[in-house]
Amino acid sequence: MHPDTHLALHHTRAAELHAQADAHRLAVEAKPPRELRTRLGWTLVELGLRLASAPAGTKPALV
């Protein structure tokens, strides 16, 4: 491969990676942070669903 072609491909790929990194960074910043209260609520919902779906003859084990 010609050195100029290789260098041009390198610069193009580097620019693409920088653009992807910038887009990812902006997406993470735009995403609202999940509050502890919300996470705790959903964890309790999941725990309740697990307990409710346990077979009738078994005792649920709490973790």
N, C-alpha and C. Protein backbone atom coordinates (compact mmCIF):
# COMPACT_ATOMS: atom_id res chain seq x y z
N MET A 1 0.85 -1.18 0.00
CA MET A 1 0.00 0.00 0.00
C MET A 1 0.89 1.24 0.00
N HIS A 2 0.50 2.19 -0.77
CA HIS A 2 1.26 3.43 -0.87
C HIS A 2 1.21 4.16 0.48
N PRO A 3 2.31 4.74 0.95
CA PRO A 3 2.32 5.41 2.25
C PRO A 3 1.28 6.53 2.37
N ASP A 4 1.06 7.27 1.30
CA ASP A 4 0.07 8.35 1.36
C ASP A 4 -1.34 7.79 1.53
N THR A 5 -1.61 6.68 0.87
CA THR A 5 -2.93 6.05 0.99
C THR A 5 -3.13 5.53 2.40
N HIS A 6 -2.10 4.90 2.93
CA HIS A 6 -2.18 4.38 4.30
C HIS A 6 -2.43 5.51 5.30
N LEU A 7 -1.72 6.60 5.14
CA LEU A 7 -1.88 7.75 6.03
C LEU A 7 -3.28 8.36 5.91
N ALA A 8 -3.78 8.44 4.69
CA ALA A 8 -5.13 8.98 4.49
C ALA A 8 -6.17 8.09 5.14
N LEU A 9 -6.02 6.76 5.01
CA LEU A 9 -6.95 5.84 5.65
C LEU A 9 -6.87 5.95 7.17
N HIS A 10 -5.65 6.10 7.68
CA HIS A 10 -5.47 6.25 9.12
C HIS A 10 -6.18 7.50 9.63
N HIS A 11 -6.03 8.61 8.95
CA HIS A 11 -6.67 9.86 9.37
C HIS A 11 -8.19 9.76 9.28
N THR A 12 -8.68 9.09 8.25
CA THR A 12 -10.12 8.92 8.10
C THR A 12 -10.69 8.08 9.24
N ARG A 13 -10.01 6.97 9.54
CA ARG A 13 -10.48 6.10 10.62
C ARG A 13 -10.38 6.80 11.97
N ALA A 14 -9.33 7.54 12.19
CA ALA A 14 -9.17 8.27 13.45
C ALA A 14 -10.30 9.30 13.60
N ALA A 15 -10.65 9.98 12.52
CA ALA A 15 -11.73 10.95 12.58
C ALA A 15 -13.07 10.27 12.88
N GLU A 16 -13.29 9.08 12.29
CA GLU A 16 -14.52 8.33 12.57
C GLU A 16 -14.59 7.93 14.03
N LEU A 17 -13.48 7.46 14.58
CA LEU A 17 -13.46 7.06 15.99
C LEU A 17 -13.69 8.24 16.92
N HIS A 18 -13.11 9.38 16.59
CA HIS A 18 -13.34 10.58 17.39
C HIS A 18 -14.81 10.99 17.35
N ALA A 19 -15.41 10.90 16.18
CA ALA A 19 -16.83 11.26 16.05
C ALA A 19 -17.70 10.30 16.86
N GLN A 20 -17.39 9.01 16.82
CA GLN A 20 -18.15 8.04 17.62
C GLN A 20 -17.98 8.30 19.11
N ALA A 21 -16.77 8.63 19.53
CA ALA A 21 -16.52 8.92 20.94
C ALA A 21 -17.30 10.16 21.38
N ASP A 22 -17.30 11.18 20.54
CA ASP A 22 -18.05 12.40 20.86
C ASP A 22 -19.55 12.12 20.95
N ALA A 23 -20.06 11.32 20.01
CA ALA A 23 -21.49 10.99 20.03
C ALA A 23 -21.83 10.19 21.29
N HIS A 24 -20.98 9.26 21.66
CA HIS A 24 -21.22 8.47 22.86
C HIS A 24 -21.19 9.36 24.11
N ARG A 25 -20.21 10.24 24.17
CA ARG A 25 -20.09 11.14 25.31
C ARG A 25 -21.33 12.02 25.44
N LEU A 26 -21.82 12.54 24.32
CA LEU A 26 -23.02 13.38 24.35
C LEU A 26 -24.25 12.58 24.76
N ALA A 27 -24.34 11.34 24.30
CA ALA A 27 -25.49 10.50 24.67
C ALA A 27 -25.49 10.19 26.15
N VAL A 28 -24.32 9.93 26.72
CA VAL A 28 -24.22 9.64 28.15
C VAL A 28 -24.58 10.88 28.96
N GLU A 29 -24.13 12.03 28.53
CA GLU A 29 -24.43 13.27 29.25
C GLU A 29 -25.92 13.61 29.17
N ALA A 30 -26.56 13.29 28.06
CA ALA A 30 -27.97 13.63 27.88
C ALA A 30 -28.89 12.69 28.66
N LYS A 31 -28.41 11.50 28.97
CA LYS A 31 -29.22 10.51 29.67
C LYS A 31 -29.41 10.96 31.12
N PRO A 32 -30.65 11.06 31.57
CA PRO A 32 -30.86 11.50 32.95
C PRO A 32 -30.37 10.43 33.93
N PRO A 33 -29.73 10.85 34.99
CA PRO A 33 -29.23 9.87 35.96
C PRO A 33 -30.39 9.18 36.68
N ARG A 34 -30.23 7.90 36.92
CA ARG A 34 -31.26 7.15 37.63
C ARG A 34 -31.08 7.40 39.12
N GLU A 35 -32.14 7.76 39.73
CA GLU A 35 -32.06 8.04 41.15
C GLU A 35 -32.06 6.74 41.95
N LEU A 36 -31.49 6.81 43.13
CA LEU A 36 -31.42 5.65 44.01
C LEU A 36 -32.81 5.14 44.33
N ARG A 37 -33.73 6.05 44.52
CA ARG A 37 -35.10 5.67 44.86
C ARG A 37 -35.74 4.83 43.76
N THR A 38 -35.51 5.21 42.51
CA THR A 38 -36.06 4.47 41.37
C THR A 38 -35.44 3.09 41.28
N ARG A 39 -34.13 3.02 41.42
CA ARG A 39 -33.46 1.72 41.35
C ARG A 39 -33.93 0.80 42.47
N LEU A 40 -34.06 1.35 43.68
CA LEU A 40 -34.53 0.55 44.81
C LEU A 40 -35.95 0.05 44.56
N GLY A 41 -36.80 0.90 44.02
CA GLY A 41 -38.17 0.50 43.73
C GLY A 41 -38.24 -0.65 42.75
N TRP A 42 -37.48 -0.57 41.66
CA TRP A 42 -37.49 -1.64 40.67
C TRP A 42 -36.87 -2.92 41.22
N THR A 43 -35.89 -2.78 42.09
CA THR A 43 -35.29 -3.97 42.72
C THR A 43 -36.33 -4.67 43.58
N LEU A 44 -37.11 -3.89 44.31
CA LEU A 44 -38.16 -4.49 45.14
C LEU A 44 -39.25 -5.13 44.29
N VAL A 45 -39.57 -4.54 43.17
CA VAL A 45 -40.55 -5.14 42.25
C VAL A 45 -40.03 -6.48 41.74
N GLU A 46 -38.77 -6.52 41.33
CA GLU A 46 -38.19 -7.77 40.84
C GLU A 46 -38.17 -8.83 41.93
N LEU A 47 -37.83 -8.45 43.15
CA LEU A 47 -37.82 -9.40 44.27
C LEU A 47 -39.23 -9.93 44.52
N GLY A 48 -40.22 -9.05 44.50
CA GLY A 48 -41.59 -9.48 44.68
C GLY A 48 -42.06 -10.44 43.60
N LEU A 49 -41.68 -10.17 42.37
CA LEU A 49 -42.05 -11.07 41.27
C LEU A 49 -41.39 -12.43 41.42
N ARG A 50 -40.16 -12.44 41.87
CA ARG A 50 -39.49 -13.73 42.09
C ARG A 50 -40.17 -14.51 43.20
N LEU A 51 -40.53 -13.83 44.28
CA LEU A 51 -41.20 -14.50 45.39
C LEU A 51 -42.58 -15.00 44.97
N ALA A 52 -43.28 -14.23 44.18
CA ALA A 52 -44.63 -14.60 43.75
C ALA A 52 -44.59 -15.75 42.75
N SER A 53 -43.52 -15.87 41.98
CA SER A 53 -43.48 -16.91 40.97
C SER A 53 -42.81 -18.19 41.47
N ALA A 54 -42.42 -18.23 42.74
CA ALA A 54 -41.81 -19.44 43.30
C ALA A 54 -42.86 -20.54 43.39
N PRO A 55 -42.48 -21.79 43.16
CA PRO A 55 -43.44 -22.91 43.27
C PRO A 55 -44.05 -22.95 44.66
N ALA A 56 -45.29 -23.44 44.75
CA ALA A 56 -46.05 -23.40 45.99
C ALA A 56 -45.41 -24.22 47.10
N GLY A 57 -44.73 -25.31 46.79
CA GLY A 57 -44.19 -26.18 47.83
C GLY A 57 -42.84 -25.77 48.36
N THR A 58 -42.22 -24.74 47.82
CA THR A 58 -40.89 -24.36 48.27
C THR A 58 -40.95 -23.07 49.06
N LYS A 59 -40.02 -22.94 49.97
CA LYS A 59 -39.91 -21.70 50.73
C LYS A 59 -38.95 -20.78 49.98
N PRO A 60 -39.29 -19.55 49.76
CA PRO A 60 -38.38 -18.65 49.05
C PRO A 60 -37.16 -18.35 49.90
N ALA A 61 -36.02 -18.34 49.27
CA ALA A 61 -34.78 -18.01 49.96
C ALA A 61 -34.49 -16.54 49.73
N LEU A 62 -34.34 -15.80 50.82
CA LEU A 62 -34.02 -14.39 50.70
C LEU A 62 -32.50 -14.24 50.64
N VAL A 63 -32.07 -13.36 49.75
CA VAL A 63 -30.63 -13.16 49.56
C VAL A 63 -30.18 -12.00 50.39
